[in-house]
Amino acid sequence: MHGIGNDFIMLDCTADSCETQDWPFLARSMCDRRLGIGADGLILVQTGERQPFQMRMFNPDGSESEMCGNGVRCFARYVSDRGLTTNQTIRIETGAGVLELTLIGDQVKVNMGPARMLKGEIGMVGDPTERFVEQPIEAGYEQFLGTAVSMGNPHLVIFTDGERVDLERIGPILENSRLFPGRVNVHFAQAINRSEITQRTWERGAGATLACGTGACAVAVAGHQTGRTERSVTVHLPGGDLQVEYLESGEVMMSGPAETVFSGCWGAA
């Protein structure tokens, strides 16, 4: 499945136990674009402890991510299309907490919960009560001004004035910045106007991707926090558009499509 080009292998674990699987190894094998299926992540569809469903997501390098905005929309579409639920509003347990999603036609709307701005909430070094907004950060011999936001997973947003940044070179340096011991998702963005933003992403554990849902939310929050945009914006990513609204309560709403590409068997003779 994919959400505006951010693609995932969905594995249904609701019918039997999958506890004995080596998920990091399986994610590395299945997500390999030359020797496997190829994907930006492996998502497990599981029965939740307190909610009907639980999502676990593994990056192509085998690391586990707390959350994935495009992935959770695919999750909701999957359980609906496969008849695992008849509800149009679905609550899903994730590593970032319980999220509520609503299916509206070909769109899936997600309450992503509150954006968090404090270093301690993001997982940054330094004073946990401080914010990191438009602060200098180095990548090699270059310096950028970045804003850090947590949407259940850590993001670094850097606004540019249209200059082209070498994502493949700068992305991994910033991903592994000493300021983020657990690594960070990196986004280069440009505010076209008060209601539109373009975004390019280097994802932690996955590299350059066509889209990042939690990243789009972080970019929208950073845009408003730095005075560039209104609370409701369209985020243009290489794979398509997402609608994001940063509510006055601090919660973030995101809407976008989720589509099935194909299904099959792994390791079948």
C-alpha atoms as a PDB file:
ATOM      1  CA  MET A   1       0.000   0.000   0.000  1.00  0.00           C
ATOM      2  CA  HIS A   2       1.032   3.608  -0.283  1.00  0.00           C
ATOM      3  CA  GLY A   3       0.038   7.038   0.941  1.00  0.00           C
ATOM      4  CA  ILE A   4       1.051   9.587  -1.749  1.00  0.00           C
ATOM      5  CA  GLY A   5       4.064   7.485  -2.694  1.00  0.00           C
ATOM      6  CA  ASN A   6       5.201   6.552   0.821  1.00  0.00           C
ATOM      7  CA  ASP A   7       4.893   2.772   0.428  1.00  0.00           C
ATOM      8  CA  PHE A   8       4.505  -0.017   2.954  1.00  0.00           C
ATOM      9  CA  ILE A   9       4.236  -3.784   3.182  1.00  0.00           C
ATOM     10  CA  MET A  10       1.173  -4.587   5.300  1.00  0.00           C
ATOM     11  CA  LEU A  11       1.328  -7.863   7.215  1.00  0.00           C
ATOM     12  CA  ASP A  12      -1.884  -9.152   8.831  1.00  0.00           C
ATOM     13  CA  CYS A  13      -1.086 -10.615  12.254  1.00  0.00           C
ATOM     14  CA  THR A  14      -4.642 -10.543  13.615  1.00  0.00           C
ATOM     15  CA  ALA A  15      -5.440 -14.196  12.877  1.00  0.00           C
ATOM     16  CA  ASP A  16      -2.394 -15.840  14.497  1.00  0.00           C
ATOM     17  CA  SER A  17       0.554 -15.107  16.756  1.00  0.00           C
ATOM     18  CA  CYS A  18       3.607 -13.490  15.181  1.00  0.00           C
ATOM     19  CA  GLU A  19       5.619 -13.147  18.379  1.00  0.00           C
ATOM     20  CA  THR A  20       8.385 -15.529  17.306  1.00  0.00           C
ATOM     21  CA  GLN A  21       9.306 -13.585  14.158  1.00  0.00           C
ATOM     22  CA  ASP A  22      12.559 -11.639  13.833  1.00  0.00           C
ATOM     23  CA  TRP A  23      10.855  -8.445  12.666  1.00  0.00           C
ATOM     24  CA  PRO A  24      14.010  -6.342  12.113  1.00  0.00           C
ATOM     25  CA  PHE A  25      15.466  -9.058   9.866  1.00  0.00           C
ATOM     26  CA  LEU A  26      12.183  -9.496   8.002  1.00  0.00           C
ATOM     27  CA  ALA A  27      11.858  -5.740   7.493  1.00  0.00           C
ATOM     28  CA  ARG A  28      15.360  -5.492   6.048  1.00  0.00           C
ATOM     29  CA  SER A  29      14.676  -8.434   3.726  1.00  0.00           C
ATOM     30  CA  MET A  30      11.215  -7.442   2.528  1.00  0.00           C
ATOM     31  CA  CYS A  31      11.870  -3.708   2.161  1.00  0.00           C
ATOM     32  CA  ASP A  32      15.003  -4.170   0.019  1.00  0.00           C
ATOM     33  CA  ARG A  33      14.117  -2.662  -3.373  1.00  0.00           C
ATOM     34  CA  ARG A  34      16.481  -4.945  -5.314  1.00  0.00           C
ATOM     35  CA  LEU A  35      16.409  -8.226  -3.402  1.00  0.00           C
ATOM     36  CA  GLY A  36      12.972  -8.027  -1.759  1.00  0.00           C
ATOM     37  CA  ILE A  37       9.557  -6.504  -2.374  1.00  0.00           C
ATOM     38  CA  GLY A  38      10.723  -2.952  -1.802  1.00  0.00           C
ATOM     39  CA  ALA A  39       9.078  -0.500   0.604  1.00  0.00           C
ATOM     40  CA  ASP A  40       9.631   2.402   2.963  1.00  0.00           C
ATOM     41  CA  GLY A  41       8.569   0.210   5.859  1.00  0.00           C
ATOM     42  CA  LEU A  42       6.968  -2.989   7.141  1.00  0.00           C
ATOM     43  CA  ILE A  43       3.698  -2.494   9.058  1.00  0.00           C
ATOM     44  CA  LEU A  44       2.204  -5.153  11.316  1.00  0.00           C
ATOM     45  CA  VAL A  45      -1.587  -5.206  11.629  1.00  0.00           C
ATOM     46  CA  GLN A  46      -2.173  -6.565  15.122  1.00  0.00           C
ATOM     47  CA  THR A  47      -4.949  -6.835  17.693  1.00  0.00           C
ATOM     48  CA  GLY A  48      -4.532  -4.145  20.331  1.00  0.00           C
ATOM     49  CA  GLU A  49      -4.442  -4.541  24.094  1.00  0.00           C
ATOM     50  CA  ARG A  50      -6.980  -1.758  24.790  1.00  0.00           C
ATOM     51  CA  GLN A  51      -8.191  -0.888  21.283  1.00  0.00           C
ATOM     52  CA  PRO A  52      -9.333  -3.186  18.457  1.00  0.00           C
ATOM     53  CA  PHE A  53      -6.075  -2.682  16.525  1.00  0.00           C
ATOM     54  CA  GLN A  54      -2.407  -2.036  17.101  1.00  0.00           C
ATOM     55  CA  MET A  55       0.174  -0.859  14.549  1.00  0.00           C
ATOM     56  CA  ARG A  56       3.885  -1.605  14.652  1.00  0.00           C
ATOM     57  CA  MET A  57       6.134  -0.189  11.965  1.00  0.00           C
ATOM     58  CA  PHE A  58       9.710  -1.196  11.068  1.00  0.00           C
ATOM     59  CA  ASN A  59      12.000   0.879   8.852  1.00  0.00           C
ATOM     60  CA  PRO A  60      14.000  -0.623   5.966  1.00  0.00           C
ATOM     61  CA  ASP A  61      17.095  -0.708   8.202  1.00  0.00           C
ATOM     62  CA  GLY A  62      15.230  -2.857  10.741  1.00  0.00           C
ATOM     63  CA  SER A  63      14.741  -0.145  13.361  1.00  0.00           C
ATOM     64  CA  GLU A  64      11.259   0.308  14.815  1.00  0.00           C
ATOM     65  CA  SER A  65       9.505   3.652  14.460  1.00  0.00           C
ATOM     66  CA  GLU A  66       7.068   5.038  17.024  1.00  0.00           C
ATOM     67  CA  MET A  67       4.647   6.261  14.376  1.00  0.00           C
ATOM     68  CA  CYS A  68       4.107   6.888  10.687  1.00  0.00           C
ATOM     69  CA  GLY A  69       1.420   9.249   9.421  1.00  0.00           C
ATOM     70  CA  ASN A  70       1.095   7.833   5.913  1.00  0.00           C
ATOM     71  CA  GLY A  71       1.433   4.319   7.315  1.00  0.00           C
ATOM     72  CA  VAL A  72      -1.377   4.702   9.825  1.00  0.00           C
ATOM     73  CA  ARG A  73      -3.706   5.921   7.056  1.00  0.00           C
ATOM     74  CA  CYS A  74      -2.834   2.804   5.061  1.00  0.00           C
ATOM     75  CA  PHE A  75      -3.524   0.763   8.204  1.00  0.00           C
ATOM     76  CA  ALA A  76      -7.026   2.203   8.544  1.00  0.00           C
ATOM     77  CA  ARG A  77      -7.770   1.617   4.865  1.00  0.00           C
ATOM     78  CA  TYR A  78      -6.436  -1.954   5.132  1.00  0.00           C
ATOM     79  CA  VAL A  79      -8.599  -3.042   8.083  1.00  0.00           C
ATOM     80  CA  SER A  80     -11.653  -1.472   6.453  1.00  0.00           C
ATOM     81  CA  ASP A  81     -11.111  -2.932   2.978  1.00  0.00           C
ATOM     82  CA  ARG A  82     -10.298  -6.389   4.397  1.00  0.00           C
ATOM     83  CA  GLY A  83     -13.486  -6.448   6.457  1.00  0.00           C
ATOM     84  CA  LEU A  84     -11.672  -6.484   9.801  1.00  0.00           C
ATOM     85  CA  THR A  85     -13.980  -3.665  10.909  1.00  0.00           C
ATOM     86  CA  THR A  86     -17.156  -2.038   9.647  1.00  0.00           C
ATOM     87  CA  ASN A  87     -16.547   1.196  11.547  1.00  0.00           C
ATOM     88  CA  GLN A  88     -15.735   4.358   9.629  1.00  0.00           C
ATOM     89  CA  THR A  89     -13.985   5.776  12.694  1.00  0.00           C
ATOM     90  CA  ILE A  90     -11.153   3.559  13.909  1.00  0.00           C
ATOM     91  CA  ARG A  91      -8.929   3.808  16.988  1.00  0.00           C
ATOM     92  CA  ILE A  92      -5.437   2.374  16.617  1.00  0.00           C
ATOM     93  CA  GLU A  93      -2.727   1.830  19.221  1.00  0.00           C
ATOM     94  CA  THR A  94       0.704   3.035  18.074  1.00  0.00           C
ATOM     95  CA  GLY A  95       4.074   3.597  19.691  1.00  0.00           C
ATOM     96  CA  ALA A  96       3.070   7.255  19.983  1.00  0.00           C
ATOM     97  CA  GLY A  97      -0.267   6.541  21.674  1.00  0.00           C
ATOM     98  CA  VAL A  98      -3.825   5.878  20.489  1.00  0.00           C
ATOM     99  CA  LEU A  99      -4.850   7.654  17.278  1.00  0.00           C
ATOM    100  CA  GLU A 100      -8.369   8.124  15.913  1.00  0.00           C
ATOM    101  CA  LEU A 101      -8.871   7.907  12.139  1.00  0.00           C
ATOM    102  CA  THR A 102     -11.960   8.530  10.031  1.00  0.00           C
ATOM    103  CA  LEU A 103     -12.520   7.209   6.504  1.00  0.00           C
ATOM    104  CA  ILE A 104     -14.162   9.829   4.271  1.00  0.00           C
ATOM    105  CA  GLY A 105     -14.489   8.620   0.679  1.00  0.00           C
ATOM    106  CA  ASP A 106     -10.987   8.015  -0.681  1.00  0.00           C
ATOM    107  CA  GLN A 107      -9.472  10.133   2.104  1.00  0.00           C
ATOM    108  CA  VAL A 108      -8.414   9.154   5.606  1.00  0.00           C
ATOM    109  CA  LYS A 109      -8.448  11.860   8.273  1.00  0.00           C
ATOM    110  CA  VAL A 110      -6.226  11.413  11.318  1.00  0.00           C
ATOM    111  CA  ASN A 111      -6.135  13.191  14.645  1.00  0.00           C
ATOM    112  CA  MET A 112      -2.372  13.041  15.094  1.00  0.00           C
ATOM    113  CA  GLY A 113      -2.543  14.278  18.667  1.00  0.00           C
ATOM    114  CA  PRO A 114      -0.609  17.237  20.055  1.00  0.00           C
ATOM    115  CA  ALA A 115       2.588  18.574  18.534  1.00  0.00           C
ATOM    116  CA  ARG A 116       5.348  18.717  21.144  1.00  0.00           C
ATOM    117  CA  MET A 117       8.009  21.397  21.086  1.00  0.00           C
ATOM    118  CA  LEU A 118      10.146  20.880  24.210  1.00  0.00           C
ATOM    119  CA  LYS A 119      13.557  19.231  23.889  1.00  0.00           C
ATOM    120  CA  GLY A 120      12.651  16.711  26.555  1.00  0.00           C
ATOM    121  CA  GLU A 121       9.531  15.694  24.618  1.00  0.00           C
ATOM    122  CA  ILE A 122      11.450  15.430  21.345  1.00  0.00           C
ATOM    123  CA  GLY A 123      14.377  13.441  22.717  1.00  0.00           C
ATOM    124  CA  MET A 124      17.049  16.104  22.230  1.00  0.00           C
ATOM    125  CA  VAL A 125      20.137  16.792  24.328  1.00  0.00           C
ATOM    126  CA  GLY A 126      20.168  19.931  26.472  1.00  0.00           C
ATOM    127  CA  ASP A 127      17.673  21.577  28.809  1.00  0.00           C
ATOM    128  CA  PRO A 128      14.472  19.475  28.514  1.00  0.00           C
ATOM    129  CA  THR A 129      12.301  22.546  29.122  1.00  0.00           C
ATOM    130  CA  GLU A 130      13.745  24.543  26.196  1.00  0.00           C
ATOM    131  CA  ARG A 131      12.375  24.721  22.653  1.00  0.00           C
ATOM    132  CA  PHE A 132      14.478  24.469  19.494  1.00  0.00           C
ATOM    133  CA  VAL A 133      12.939  26.986  17.087  1.00  0.00           C
ATOM    134  CA  GLU A 134      14.949  28.563  14.254  1.00  0.00           C
ATOM    135  CA  GLN A 135      18.180  27.522  15.959  1.00  0.00           C
ATOM    136  CA  PRO A 136      21.521  26.909  14.213  1.00  0.00           C
ATOM    137  CA  ILE A 137      22.497  23.325  13.428  1.00  0.00           C
ATOM    138  CA  GLU A 138      25.547  22.160  11.490  1.00  0.00           C
ATOM    139  CA  ALA A 139      25.846  19.545   8.770  1.00  0.00           C
ATOM    140  CA  GLY A 140      29.484  19.123   7.821  1.00  0.00           C
ATOM    141  CA  TYR A 141      30.749  22.620   7.092  1.00  0.00           C
ATOM    142  CA  GLU A 142      27.275  24.023   6.424  1.00  0.00           C
ATOM    143  CA  GLN A 143      24.949  25.669   8.912  1.00  0.00           C
ATOM    144  CA  PHE A 144      21.155  25.751   8.823  1.00  0.00           C
ATOM    145  CA  LEU A 145      18.382  27.160  10.993  1.00  0.00           C
ATOM    146  CA  GLY A 146      16.154  24.355  12.187  1.00  0.00           C
ATOM    147  CA  THR A 147      12.978  23.840  14.224  1.00  0.00           C
ATOM    148  CA  ALA A 148      12.424  20.613  16.153  1.00  0.00           C
ATOM    149  CA  VAL A 149       8.956  19.113  16.587  1.00  0.00           C
ATOM    150  CA  SER A 150       7.736  15.779  17.910  1.00  0.00           C
ATOM    151  CA  MET A 151       4.663  14.160  16.413  1.00  0.00           C
ATOM    152  CA  GLY A 152       5.267  11.054  18.495  1.00  0.00           C
ATOM    153  CA  ASN A 153       8.545  10.736  16.592  1.00  0.00           C
ATOM    154  CA  PRO A 154      11.272  13.405  16.229  1.00  0.00           C
ATOM    155  CA  HIS A 155      11.464  15.863  13.313  1.00  0.00           C
ATOM    156  CA  LEU A 156      13.841  18.623  12.281  1.00  0.00           C
ATOM    157  CA  VAL A 157      12.338  21.215   9.918  1.00  0.00           C
ATOM    158  CA  ILE A 158      14.552  23.567   7.919  1.00  0.00           C
ATOM    159  CA  PHE A 159      12.937  26.307   5.841  1.00  0.00           C
ATOM    160  CA  THR A 160      14.765  27.450   2.732  1.00  0.00           C
ATOM    161  CA  ASP A 161      14.189  30.334   0.334  1.00  0.00           C
ATOM    162  CA  GLY A 162      14.049  28.020  -2.657  1.00  0.00           C
ATOM    163  CA  GLU A 163      17.691  27.026  -2.808  1.00  0.00           C
ATOM    164  CA  ARG A 164      18.235  23.394  -3.727  1.00  0.00           C
ATOM    165  CA  VAL A 165      19.710  21.349  -0.877  1.00  0.00           C
ATOM    166  CA  ASP A 166      21.636  18.136  -1.588  1.00  0.00           C
ATOM    167  CA  LEU A 167      19.267  15.878   0.349  1.00  0.00           C
ATOM    168  CA  GLU A 168      21.274  12.688  -0.196  1.00  0.00           C
ATOM    169  CA  ARG A 169      24.379  14.315   1.306  1.00  0.00           C
ATOM    170  CA  ILE A 170      22.972  16.594   4.006  1.00  0.00           C
ATOM    171  CA  GLY A 171      20.086  14.331   5.097  1.00  0.00           C
ATOM    172  CA  PRO A 172      22.124  11.531   6.712  1.00  0.00           C
ATOM    173  CA  ILE A 173      24.437  14.007   8.458  1.00  0.00           C
ATOM    174  CA  LEU A 174      21.516  15.769  10.122  1.00  0.00           C
ATOM    175  CA  GLU A 175      19.712  12.472  10.810  1.00  0.00           C
ATOM    176  CA  ASN A 176      22.664  11.473  12.971  1.00  0.00           C
ATOM    177  CA  SER A 177      23.225  14.871  14.603  1.00  0.00           C
ATOM    178  CA  ARG A 178      24.575  14.668  18.155  1.00  0.00           C
ATOM    179  CA  LEU A 179      21.579  16.800  19.199  1.00  0.00           C
ATOM    180  CA  PHE A 180      19.278  13.818  18.548  1.00  0.00           C
ATOM    181  CA  PRO A 181      20.630  10.663  20.265  1.00  0.00           C
ATOM    182  CA  GLY A 182      17.809   8.588  18.769  1.00  0.00           C
ATOM    183  CA  ARG A 183      18.312  10.115  15.286  1.00  0.00           C
ATOM    184  CA  VAL A 184      15.796  12.421  13.615  1.00  0.00           C
ATOM    185  CA  ASN A 185      13.637  12.786  10.499  1.00  0.00           C
ATOM    186  CA  VAL A 186      14.864  15.723   8.401  1.00  0.00           C
ATOM    187  CA  HIS A 187      12.681  17.992   6.230  1.00  0.00           C
ATOM    188  CA  PHE A 188      13.594  20.847   3.921  1.00  0.00           C
ATOM    189  CA  ALA A 189      10.569  23.061   3.317  1.00  0.00           C
ATOM    190  CA  GLN A 190       9.581  26.258   1.564  1.00  0.00           C
ATOM    191  CA  ALA A 191       6.526  28.386   2.362  1.00  0.00           C
ATOM    192  CA  ILE A 192       5.028  29.263  -1.037  1.00  0.00           C
ATOM    193  CA  ASN A 193       2.393  31.441   0.623  1.00  0.00           C
ATOM    194  CA  ARG A 194       0.445  31.520   3.896  1.00  0.00           C
ATOM    195  CA  SER A 195      -1.455  28.323   3.065  1.00  0.00           C
ATOM    196  CA  GLU A 196       0.960  26.216   0.969  1.00  0.00           C
ATOM    197  CA  ILE A 197       4.277  24.551   1.754  1.00  0.00           C
ATOM    198  CA  THR A 198       6.580  22.342  -0.311  1.00  0.00           C
ATOM    199  CA  GLN A 199       8.538  19.629   1.472  1.00  0.00           C
ATOM    200  CA  ARG A 200      11.392  17.194   0.799  1.00  0.00           C
ATOM    201  CA  THR A 201      12.193  14.506   3.351  1.00  0.00           C
ATOM    202  CA  TRP A 202      15.067  12.379   4.565  1.00  0.00           C
ATOM    203  CA  GLU A 203      13.480   9.802   6.879  1.00  0.00           C
ATOM    204  CA  ARG A 204      15.256   8.253   9.820  1.00  0.00           C
ATOM    205  CA  GLY A 205      16.077   4.657   8.924  1.00  0.00           C
ATOM    206  CA  ALA A 206      14.632   4.902   5.397  1.00  0.00           C
ATOM    207  CA  GLY A 207      16.430   7.705   3.523  1.00  0.00           C
ATOM    208  CA  ALA A 208      14.787   9.923   0.921  1.00  0.00           C
ATOM    209  CA  THR A 209      11.057   9.186   0.578  1.00  0.00           C
ATOM    210  CA  LEU A 210       8.271  10.577  -1.601  1.00  0.00           C
ATOM    211  CA  ALA A 211       6.232  11.572   1.442  1.00  0.00           C
ATOM    212  CA  CYS A 212       6.181  11.648   5.239  1.00  0.00           C
ATOM    213  CA  GLY A 213       2.890  12.176   7.055  1.00  0.00           C
ATOM    214  CA  THR A 214       4.210  12.963  10.525  1.00  0.00           C
ATOM    215  CA  GLY A 215       6.824  15.114   8.798  1.00  0.00           C
ATOM    216  CA  ALA A 216       4.144  17.101   6.961  1.00  0.00           C
ATOM    217  CA  CYS A 217       2.475  17.726  10.322  1.00  0.00           C
ATOM    218  CA  ALA A 218       5.783  18.855  11.819  1.00  0.00           C
ATOM    219  CA  VAL A 219       6.406  21.156   8.848  1.00  0.00           C
ATOM    220  CA  ALA A 220       2.947  22.713   9.217  1.00  0.00           C
ATOM    221  CA  VAL A 221       3.527  23.271  12.936  1.00  0.00           C
ATOM    222  CA  ALA A 222       6.976  24.770  12.308  1.00  0.00           C
ATOM    223  CA  GLY A 223       5.543  27.002   9.590  1.00  0.00           C
ATOM    224  CA  HIS A 224       3.013  28.468  11.992  1.00  0.00           C
ATOM    225  CA  GLN A 225       5.427  28.655  14.927  1.00  0.00           C
ATOM    226  CA  THR A 226       7.893  30.682  12.846  1.00  0.00           C
ATOM    227  CA  GLY A 227       5.211  33.002  11.456  1.00  0.00           C
ATOM    228  CA  ARG A 228       5.368  31.770   7.864  1.00  0.00           C
ATOM    229  CA  THR A 229       1.926  30.178   7.511  1.00  0.00           C
ATOM    230  CA  GLU A 230      -1.601  29.999   8.863  1.00  0.00           C
ATOM    231  CA  ARG A 231      -2.810  27.058  10.912  1.00  0.00           C
ATOM    232  CA  SER A 232      -4.410  25.288   7.917  1.00  0.00           C
ATOM    233  CA  VAL A 233      -2.086  24.432   5.026  1.00  0.00           C
ATOM    234  CA  THR A 234      -1.648  22.203   2.001  1.00  0.00           C
ATOM    235  CA  VAL A 235       1.706  20.442   2.109  1.00  0.00           C
ATOM    236  CA  HIS A 236       3.066  19.540  -1.340  1.00  0.00           C
ATOM    237  CA  LEU A 237       5.356  16.499  -1.250  1.00  0.00           C
ATOM    238  CA  PRO A 238       7.033  14.710  -4.185  1.00  0.00           C
ATOM    239  CA  GLY A 239       4.370  11.972  -4.026  1.00  0.00           C
ATOM    240  CA  GLY A 240       1.312  14.204  -3.626  1.00  0.00           C
ATOM    241  CA  ASP A 241      -0.500  16.558  -1.257  1.00  0.00           C
ATOM    242  CA  LEU A 242      -1.617  16.371   2.360  1.00  0.00           C
ATOM    243  CA  GLN A 243      -4.030  18.693   4.150  1.00  0.00           C
ATOM    244  CA  VAL A 244      -2.831  19.632   7.625  1.00  0.00           C
ATOM    245  CA  GLU A 245      -4.506  21.766  10.289  1.00  0.00           C
ATOM    246  CA  TYR A 246      -2.706  22.861  13.455  1.00  0.00           C
ATOM    247  CA  LEU A 247      -5.521  23.425  15.945  1.00  0.00           C
ATOM    248  CA  GLU A 248      -5.368  26.048  18.675  1.00  0.00           C
ATOM    249  CA  SER A 249      -5.535  23.182  21.179  1.00  0.00           C
ATOM    250  CA  GLY A 250      -2.129  22.040  19.898  1.00  0.00           C
ATOM    251  CA  GLU A 251      -3.525  18.945  18.175  1.00  0.00           C
ATOM    252  CA  VAL A 252      -2.797  18.333  14.504  1.00  0.00           C
ATOM    253  CA  MET A 253      -5.292  16.989  11.951  1.00  0.00           C
ATOM    254  CA  MET A 254      -4.036  15.392   8.742  1.00  0.00           C
ATOM    255  CA  SER A 255      -5.989  14.181   5.692  1.00  0.00           C
ATOM    256  CA  GLY A 256      -4.818  12.271   2.639  1.00  0.00           C
ATOM    257  CA  PRO A 257      -5.372   9.153   0.514  1.00  0.00           C
ATOM    258  CA  ALA A 258      -4.270   5.556   1.085  1.00  0.00           C
ATOM    259  CA  GLU A 259      -4.213   2.995  -1.725  1.00  0.00           C
ATOM    260  CA  THR A 260      -3.595  -0.719  -2.199  1.00  0.00           C
ATOM    261  CA  VAL A 261      -1.127  -1.604  -4.953  1.00  0.00           C
ATOM    262  CA  PHE A 262      -0.970  -5.420  -4.866  1.00  0.00           C
ATOM    263  CA  SER A 263      -1.073  -8.413  -2.534  1.00  0.00           C
ATOM    264  CA  GLY A 264       0.890 -11.662  -2.519  1.00  0.00           C
ATOM    265  CA  CYS A 265       2.839 -14.238  -0.529  1.00  0.00           C
ATOM    266  CA  TRP A 266       6.388 -13.936   0.813  1.00  0.00           C
ATOM    267  CA  GLY A 267       8.578 -17.002   0.688  1.00  0.00           C
ATOM    268  CA  ALA A 268       5.924 -19.175  -0.998  1.00  0.00           C
ATOM    269  CA  ALA A 269       7.154 -21.928  -3.316  1.00  0.00           C
END
